[in-house]
Amino acid sequence: MEDVFSGEIDKCRPGSERSHSRGQAEPDVSCECDEEVFHRILGLERKRSERSRRPFLLMLLSLEGIAGDGKGGDIVTRVFSCLAAAKRETDVMGWYRQGGVAGVIFTEISDTCDRSLSESIVRRITASLDLKLSPEEVEKSHISFCYFPERNGQQVVSAPLTLYPDIRKRLDGHKKSLFAKRVIDIVGALVALALFFPFFLIISAMIKLSTRGPVFFRQERVGQYGKRFLFLKFRSMYVDSDPSPHMEYTKKLILAGRKGSNNGAGLESGVFKIRDDPRVTPLGRFLRRSSLDEIPQLLNVLAGDMSLVGPRPPIPYELEKYDLWHRRRVLEMKPGITGMWQVEGRSSTTFDEMVRLDLYYMTHWSLWLDLKLIFKTPLAVLSGRGAY
């Protein structure tokens, strides 16, 4: 009778051949990758999946509860033997966390496969572990899965960096600099609020006197790691304005650069605000043109949801239209009031180029780069490029 798991995994990768069968010799477990190599392969597999649109599955098996009891080497050998028996030749096995968490990357699974695949893998590996480990050792092990991209309409960013160990390592290597960045954010936000306090009072009064409704515009935005937060601006639109025109506009803007797309017609390149938007009040047009509507974001900086410098925080419905490679811009750094795009690109760039500017910023980030962008921001604001 055909093995359940083998049938599932072969079915999920058209054209694949089974790397094992009954009666075959014990799989070779000497080829597992160390942590550094496995993470590098995981990063390459993400990039391949972004290009091919064919997802992969990362399985993690925790050994932290059983590998340190004096029999660690023997247990690890038996566990990797089980994993090697379960994977195909095209899959990758190694250490996700050296000595503690083993991993298998099941490459190029079909995007039509559902959770029954992971259930079949669990059944297969658990049955193999039962033969090679004691009941107590099996009880202490734990299997988990991550899909790339995630299923059921969830965004990749909802998985806290499990699929991005390279990003986590880079952030861990910048702990002191990131702490200094946070100090600069707090001090800078407090100083800016003190300087802009008269404007704060005047603008608030003008909004209340000119139109009905609240002073602040509150909107859910997506921050680092996909965390949602309440984004603040001075209200520049009439109350109860229909968001659908902006939803349609940003959809076209984001999709405009994709192959075969005809969504770019009539769009202002790289601009997320609609020119001559009838929903915007007369005062709101001035606030947008001068960027004074963004002063309340300093409160978001103090709350820790934003930074003075970073990528623009997307609205959830924008994130839904992101290509896979776009999503990295909401993983590596907190969103900012100003950033590489606002200073260097603004309205003179496409959405894809805007994302590339953000990725360049995150890859080459330093405190000095933040300071340069902060000092360049007033000139970009005074030029009024893209500020509709």
Protein backbone atom coordinates (compact mmCIF):
# COMPACT_ATOMS: atom_id res chain seq x y z
CA MET A 1 0.00 0.00 0.00
CA GLU A 2 1.41 3.41 -0.99
CA ASP A 3 2.85 5.43 1.90
CA VAL A 4 0.52 8.32 2.82
CA PHE A 5 3.25 10.92 3.30
CA SER A 6 5.18 9.93 0.18
CA GLY A 7 2.02 10.24 -1.85
CA GLU A 8 1.33 13.71 -0.46
CA ILE A 9 4.83 15.06 -0.93
CA ASP A 10 5.20 13.62 -4.44
CA LYS A 11 1.80 15.02 -5.36
CA CYS A 12 2.84 18.43 -4.04
CA ARG A 13 5.86 18.64 -6.31
CA PRO A 14 5.00 17.63 -9.88
CA GLY A 15 7.73 15.58 -11.52
CA SER A 16 9.55 14.77 -8.28
CA GLU A 17 10.76 11.27 -7.62
CA ARG A 18 10.75 9.59 -4.26
CA SER A 19 14.10 9.66 -2.59
CA HIS A 20 13.42 6.53 -0.58
CA SER A 21 11.33 3.40 -0.64
CA ARG A 22 10.73 0.34 1.47
CA GLY A 23 13.67 -1.93 1.62
CA GLN A 24 16.13 0.87 0.82
CA ALA A 25 19.28 1.24 2.90
CA GLU A 26 19.29 3.56 5.91
CA PRO A 27 19.52 7.16 4.63
CA ASP A 28 22.84 8.95 4.87
CA VAL A 29 22.63 11.56 7.63
CA SER A 30 26.15 12.91 7.30
CA CYS A 31 25.09 15.65 4.88
CA GLU A 32 23.09 17.84 7.27
CA CYS A 33 23.99 21.54 7.11
CA ASP A 34 25.28 23.55 10.03
CA GLU A 35 23.27 26.57 11.17
CA GLU A 36 25.08 29.14 9.03
CA VAL A 37 24.76 27.10 5.83
CA PHE A 38 21.13 26.16 6.53
CA HIS A 39 20.16 29.82 7.09
CA ARG A 40 21.92 30.83 3.88
CA ILE A 41 20.05 28.14 1.93
CA LEU A 42 16.77 29.24 3.56
CA GLY A 43 17.40 32.81 2.37
CA LEU A 44 18.16 31.60 -1.16
CA GLU A 45 15.02 29.47 -1.14
CA ARG A 46 12.95 32.54 -0.19
CA LYS A 47 14.38 34.43 -3.16
CA ARG A 48 13.76 31.49 -5.48
CA SER A 49 10.18 31.24 -4.27
CA GLU A 50 9.66 34.97 -4.83
CA ARG A 51 10.70 34.53 -8.45
CA SER A 52 9.07 31.18 -9.25
CA ARG A 53 5.86 31.75 -7.24
CA ARG A 54 6.17 28.14 -6.05
CA PRO A 55 6.00 27.98 -2.23
CA PHE A 56 8.07 25.91 0.15
CA LEU A 57 7.53 24.46 3.61
CA LEU A 58 9.93 24.82 6.54
CA MET A 59 9.63 22.13 9.21
CA LEU A 60 11.34 22.62 12.57
CA LEU A 61 11.94 19.83 15.10
CA SER A 62 12.97 20.98 18.57
CA LEU A 63 15.53 18.79 20.32
CA GLU A 64 16.29 21.18 23.17
CA GLY A 65 14.50 19.04 25.71
CA ILE A 66 16.34 15.81 24.86
CA ALA A 67 19.72 16.63 23.28
CA GLY A 68 21.40 17.69 26.51
CA ASP A 69 20.88 14.61 28.67
CA GLY A 70 24.29 12.99 28.05
CA LYS A 71 23.10 10.99 25.05
CA GLY A 72 22.80 14.02 22.78
CA GLY A 73 25.01 12.76 19.96
CA ASP A 74 23.23 9.42 19.71
CA ILE A 75 19.79 11.06 19.80
CA VAL A 76 20.75 13.60 17.14
CA THR A 77 21.97 10.81 14.85
CA ARG A 78 18.71 8.92 15.27
CA VAL A 79 16.59 12.04 14.72
CA PHE A 80 18.42 13.06 11.56
CA SER A 81 18.05 9.50 10.33
CA CYS A 82 14.27 9.91 10.71
CA LEU A 83 14.32 13.25 8.90
CA ALA A 84 16.48 11.90 6.08
CA ALA A 85 14.01 9.06 5.56
CA ALA A 86 11.14 11.54 5.27
CA LYS A 87 12.64 14.05 2.82
CA ARG A 88 13.16 13.97 -0.94
CA GLU A 89 16.54 14.40 -2.62
CA THR A 90 15.61 17.98 -3.50
CA ASP A 91 14.78 18.90 0.10
CA VAL A 92 17.35 20.37 2.48
CA MET A 93 18.05 19.11 6.00
CA GLY A 94 20.19 20.80 8.65
CA TRP A 95 20.40 22.77 11.87
CA TYR A 96 18.04 25.73 12.19
CA ARG A 97 19.54 26.38 15.63
CA GLN A 98 22.79 24.48 16.14
CA GLY A 99 22.36 21.55 18.52
CA GLY A 100 18.82 22.55 19.47
CA VAL A 101 16.42 22.79 16.52
CA ALA A 102 16.68 20.65 13.38
CA GLY A 103 15.05 21.81 10.16
CA VAL A 104 13.94 20.51 6.78
CA ILE A 105 13.11 22.76 3.82
CA PHE A 106 10.57 20.97 1.63
CA THR A 107 11.17 22.81 -1.64
CA GLU A 108 8.73 23.67 -4.40
CA ILE A 109 5.47 22.34 -3.02
CA SER A 110 2.34 23.04 -5.01
CA ASP A 111 0.36 26.15 -4.08
CA THR A 112 -2.77 23.94 -4.09
CA CYS A 113 -1.54 21.77 -1.23
CA ASP A 114 -3.27 22.34 2.09
CA ARG A 115 -2.57 21.57 5.73
CA SER A 116 -2.97 17.85 5.07
CA LEU A 117 0.62 17.94 3.81
CA SER A 118 2.03 19.01 7.18
CA GLU A 119 -0.25 16.51 8.92
CA SER A 120 1.13 13.74 6.70
CA ILE A 121 4.70 14.81 7.47
CA VAL A 122 3.99 14.77 11.22
CA ARG A 123 2.48 11.29 11.01
CA ARG A 124 5.43 9.97 9.03
CA ILE A 125 8.14 11.48 11.23
CA THR A 126 6.35 10.69 14.50
CA ALA A 127 6.01 7.05 13.46
CA SER A 128 9.73 6.96 12.65
CA LEU A 129 10.68 8.67 15.93
CA ASP A 130 8.58 6.15 17.86
CA LEU A 131 10.84 3.42 16.49
CA LYS A 132 14.12 5.20 17.25
CA LEU A 133 13.45 7.20 20.44
CA SER A 134 11.98 6.36 23.83
CA PRO A 135 8.43 7.55 24.61
CA GLU A 136 9.90 10.16 26.98
CA GLU A 137 12.21 11.51 24.27
CA VAL A 138 9.39 11.66 21.72
CA GLU A 139 7.24 13.53 24.24
CA LYS A 140 9.95 16.17 24.71
CA SER A 141 10.39 16.80 20.97
CA HIS A 142 8.19 19.30 19.16
CA ILE A 143 7.41 19.77 15.44
CA SER A 144 6.28 23.08 13.92
CA PHE A 145 5.81 24.38 10.36
CA CYS A 146 6.09 27.62 8.43
CA TYR A 147 4.88 28.10 4.86
CA PHE A 148 6.42 30.63 2.51
CA PRO A 149 4.34 32.50 1.64
CA GLU A 150 1.89 31.83 4.43
CA ARG A 151 -1.45 30.27 3.63
CA ASN A 152 -5.10 31.22 4.12
CA GLY A 153 -4.55 34.80 2.95
CA GLN A 154 -2.25 35.59 5.87
CA GLN A 155 0.68 37.84 5.16
CA VAL A 156 4.22 36.55 5.33
CA VAL A 157 4.96 39.15 7.98
CA SER A 158 2.62 37.47 10.46
CA ALA A 159 5.34 34.86 11.12
CA PRO A 160 7.78 36.57 13.53
CA LEU A 161 11.04 36.19 11.60
CA THR A 162 11.02 32.36 11.70
CA LEU A 163 11.49 32.36 7.94
CA TYR A 164 13.99 35.24 8.19
CA PRO A 165 16.81 34.16 10.55
CA ASP A 166 19.24 36.26 8.49
CA ILE A 167 17.28 39.40 9.36
CA ARG A 168 17.15 38.44 13.04
CA LYS A 169 20.92 37.91 13.10
CA ARG A 170 21.53 41.26 11.42
CA LEU A 171 19.28 43.03 13.94
CA ASP A 172 20.98 41.21 16.84
CA GLY A 173 24.31 42.45 15.52
CA HIS A 174 23.06 46.05 15.66
CA LYS A 175 21.59 46.03 19.17
CA LYS A 176 23.71 48.91 20.45
CA SER A 177 23.13 51.00 17.32
CA LEU A 178 19.38 50.29 17.40
CA PHE A 179 19.30 51.35 21.05
CA ALA A 180 21.04 54.60 20.04
CA LYS A 181 18.51 54.99 17.21
CA ARG A 182 15.69 54.69 19.76
CA VAL A 183 17.33 57.32 21.99
CA ILE A 184 17.62 59.67 18.99
CA ASP A 185 13.95 59.00 18.18
CA ILE A 186 12.79 59.92 21.69
CA VAL A 187 14.98 63.00 22.03
CA GLY A 188 14.26 64.14 18.48
CA ALA A 189 10.49 63.67 18.87
CA LEU A 190 10.42 65.59 22.15
CA VAL A 191 12.47 68.46 20.70
CA ALA A 192 10.31 68.58 17.56
CA LEU A 193 7.09 68.56 19.58
CA ALA A 194 8.39 71.45 21.67
CA LEU A 195 9.34 73.42 18.54
CA PHE A 196 6.08 72.67 16.74
CA PHE A 197 3.84 73.12 19.78
CA PRO A 198 2.52 76.54 18.59
CA PHE A 199 1.71 75.01 15.18
CA PHE A 200 0.06 72.12 17.01
CA LEU A 201 -2.33 74.49 18.76
CA ILE A 202 -2.98 76.72 15.73
CA ILE A 203 -3.61 73.85 13.31
CA SER A 204 -5.90 72.11 15.80
CA ALA A 205 -7.96 75.27 16.21
CA MET A 206 -8.14 75.86 12.44
CA ILE A 207 -9.35 72.30 11.80
CA LYS A 208 -12.08 72.61 14.44
CA LEU A 209 -13.20 76.01 13.12
CA SER A 210 -13.17 75.12 9.41
CA THR A 211 -14.94 71.73 9.33
CA ARG A 212 -16.84 69.46 11.65
CA GLY A 213 -15.10 66.42 13.04
CA PRO A 214 -12.03 65.46 15.09
CA VAL A 215 -8.66 67.17 14.90
CA PHE A 216 -6.75 63.93 14.33
CA PHE A 217 -7.12 61.39 11.57
CA ARG A 218 -6.62 57.90 13.01
CA GLN A 219 -5.89 54.97 10.75
CA GLU A 220 -4.63 51.42 11.23
CA ARG A 221 -1.19 50.93 9.71
CA VAL A 222 1.24 48.01 9.54
CA GLY A 223 4.51 48.37 11.44
CA GLN A 224 7.58 46.22 11.93
CA TYR A 225 6.95 42.44 11.83
CA GLY A 226 3.38 43.09 10.70
CA LYS A 227 2.32 44.66 14.01
CA ARG A 228 -0.75 46.88 13.58
CA PHE A 229 -0.82 50.29 15.23
CA LEU A 230 -2.98 53.42 15.25
CA PHE A 231 -1.40 56.00 12.96
CA LEU A 232 -1.99 59.71 13.67
CA LYS A 233 -2.14 62.72 11.35
CA PHE A 234 -3.93 66.03 11.38
CA ARG A 235 -7.25 65.47 9.62
CA SER A 236 -7.05 66.79 6.06
CA MET A 237 -10.26 65.24 4.68
CA TYR A 238 -13.93 65.70 5.28
CA VAL A 239 -15.44 63.42 7.93
CA ASP A 240 -16.75 60.01 6.76
CA SER A 241 -14.98 60.22 3.40
CA ASP A 242 -15.24 57.07 1.29
CA PRO A 243 -11.86 55.20 1.35
CA SER A 244 -12.60 53.20 -1.82
CA PRO A 245 -11.05 55.76 -4.28
CA HIS A 246 -7.75 55.55 -2.42
CA MET A 247 -7.96 51.76 -2.21
CA GLU A 248 -8.39 51.53 -5.97
CA TYR A 249 -5.69 54.13 -6.62
CA THR A 250 -3.06 52.42 -4.46
CA LYS A 251 -3.93 49.03 -5.93
CA LYS A 252 -3.18 50.38 -9.41
CA LEU A 253 -0.03 52.12 -8.16
CA ILE A 254 1.38 48.95 -6.58
CA LEU A 255 0.46 46.67 -9.47
CA ALA A 256 1.62 49.11 -12.16
CA GLY A 257 5.15 47.77 -12.42
CA ARG A 258 4.24 44.10 -12.75
CA LYS A 259 4.75 42.23 -15.96
CA GLY A 260 1.74 42.48 -18.25
CA SER A 261 0.01 45.01 -16.00
CA ASN A 262 -1.97 47.90 -17.48
CA ASN A 263 -2.63 49.56 -14.15
CA GLY A 264 -0.25 52.50 -14.49
CA ALA A 265 -2.35 54.75 -16.69
CA GLY A 266 -3.24 58.10 -15.14
CA LEU A 267 -1.17 57.60 -11.99
CA GLU A 268 1.23 60.10 -10.46
CA SER A 269 4.42 58.07 -10.24
CA GLY A 270 5.17 56.87 -6.73
CA VAL A 271 2.57 59.08 -5.02
CA PHE A 272 0.18 57.56 -2.49
CA LYS A 273 -2.04 60.67 -2.36
CA ILE A 274 -4.52 61.39 -5.14
CA ARG A 275 -3.94 64.71 -6.85
CA ASP A 276 -6.94 67.09 -6.64
CA ASP A 277 -8.76 64.67 -4.34
CA PRO A 278 -12.28 66.09 -3.73
CA ARG A 279 -12.35 64.47 -0.29
CA VAL A 280 -9.60 66.83 0.93
CA THR A 281 -10.60 70.10 2.63
CA PRO A 282 -9.10 73.46 1.55
CA LEU A 283 -7.10 73.59 4.80
CA GLY A 284 -6.14 69.96 4.27
CA ARG A 285 -4.57 70.78 0.91
CA PHE A 286 -2.29 73.31 2.59
CA LEU A 287 -1.42 70.88 5.39
CA ARG A 288 -0.55 68.15 2.90
CA ARG A 289 1.48 70.44 0.65
CA SER A 290 3.50 71.67 3.63
CA SER A 291 3.61 68.21 5.31
CA LEU A 292 2.35 69.84 8.52
CA ASP A 293 -0.35 67.16 8.67
CA GLU A 294 2.38 64.71 9.71
CA ILE A 295 3.34 66.45 12.97
CA PRO A 296 1.17 64.11 15.14
CA GLN A 297 3.27 61.17 13.95
CA LEU A 298 5.82 62.34 16.50
CA LEU A 299 3.45 60.84 19.08
CA ASN A 300 3.70 57.51 17.24
CA VAL A 301 7.48 57.82 17.51
CA LEU A 302 7.30 58.38 21.27
CA ALA A 303 4.98 55.37 21.59
CA GLY A 304 7.59 53.21 19.85
CA ASP A 305 5.44 52.28 16.85
CA MET A 306 7.46 54.43 14.46
CA SER A 307 10.93 55.93 14.11
CA LEU A 308 11.99 59.34 12.85
CA VAL A 309 13.55 57.57 9.84
CA GLY A 310 12.29 54.43 8.16
CA PRO A 311 10.00 53.07 5.44
CA ARG A 312 6.51 54.49 4.94
CA PRO A 313 4.00 52.44 7.03
CA PRO A 314 1.51 50.75 4.67
CA ILE A 315 -2.24 50.55 5.15
CA PRO A 316 -3.40 46.90 5.52
CA TYR A 317 -5.20 46.95 2.18
CA GLU A 318 -1.99 48.10 0.51
CA LEU A 319 -0.06 45.20 2.03
CA GLU A 320 -2.57 42.76 0.55
CA LYS A 321 -1.43 43.86 -2.94
CA TYR A 322 2.30 43.60 -2.21
CA ASP A 323 4.42 41.23 -4.23
CA LEU A 324 6.39 38.74 -2.11
CA TRP A 325 9.64 40.70 -2.33
CA HIS A 326 7.88 43.94 -1.34
CA ARG A 327 7.05 42.56 2.11
CA ARG A 328 10.61 42.70 3.40
CA ARG A 329 10.19 46.47 3.79
CA VAL A 330 7.88 45.90 6.79
CA LEU A 331 10.18 43.36 8.46
CA GLU A 332 13.61 44.81 8.97
CA MET A 333 13.00 48.31 10.37
CA LYS A 334 10.30 50.32 12.06
CA PRO A 335 8.35 52.62 9.75
CA GLY A 336 9.42 56.25 9.81
CA ILE A 337 8.14 59.80 9.38
CA THR A 338 10.85 60.40 6.80
CA GLY A 339 13.07 58.02 4.87
CA MET A 340 15.05 57.25 1.77
CA TRP A 341 12.01 57.39 -0.51
CA GLN A 342 10.67 60.63 0.97
CA VAL A 343 14.04 62.35 0.56
CA GLU A 344 15.54 60.75 -2.56
CA GLY A 345 12.51 59.56 -4.49
CA ARG A 346 9.22 61.16 -3.50
CA SER A 347 7.02 61.61 -6.60
CA SER A 348 9.81 60.91 -9.09
CA THR A 349 9.79 57.14 -8.64
CA THR A 350 7.62 54.07 -9.19
CA PHE A 351 6.36 51.91 -6.35
CA ASP A 352 8.92 49.16 -7.12
CA GLU A 353 11.71 51.73 -7.08
CA MET A 354 10.37 53.09 -3.80
CA VAL A 355 10.60 49.61 -2.28
CA ARG A 356 14.13 49.22 -3.61
CA LEU A 357 15.08 52.52 -1.95
CA ASP A 358 13.64 51.24 1.35
CA LEU A 359 15.52 47.93 1.00
CA TYR A 360 18.72 49.82 0.21
CA TYR A 361 18.19 51.92 3.34
CA MET A 362 17.66 48.82 5.50
CA THR A 363 20.66 47.00 4.03
CA HIS A 364 23.02 49.98 4.42
CA TRP A 365 21.46 51.41 7.57
CA SER A 366 23.62 53.34 10.02
CA LEU A 367 23.08 56.15 12.50
CA TRP A 368 24.99 58.46 10.16
CA LEU A 369 22.60 57.62 7.30
CA ASP A 370 19.64 58.42 9.57
CA LEU A 371 21.12 61.79 10.47
CA LYS A 372 21.80 62.63 6.80
CA LEU A 373 18.19 61.80 5.87
CA ILE A 374 16.85 63.87 8.79
CA PHE A 375 18.89 66.91 7.71
CA LYS A 376 17.81 66.48 4.06
CA THR A 377 14.12 66.23 4.94
CA PRO A 378 13.40 69.99 5.31
CA LEU A 379 14.68 70.62 1.77
CA ALA A 380 12.47 67.81 0.42
CA VAL A 381 9.46 69.27 2.28
CA LEU A 382 10.13 72.81 1.03
CA SER A 383 10.44 71.55 -2.55
CA GLY A 384 6.92 70.13 -2.21
CA ARG A 385 7.66 67.15 -4.49
CA GLY A 386 4.87 64.59 -4.23
CA ALA A 387 3.11 66.38 -1.38
CA TYR A 388 -0.46 66.49 -2.59
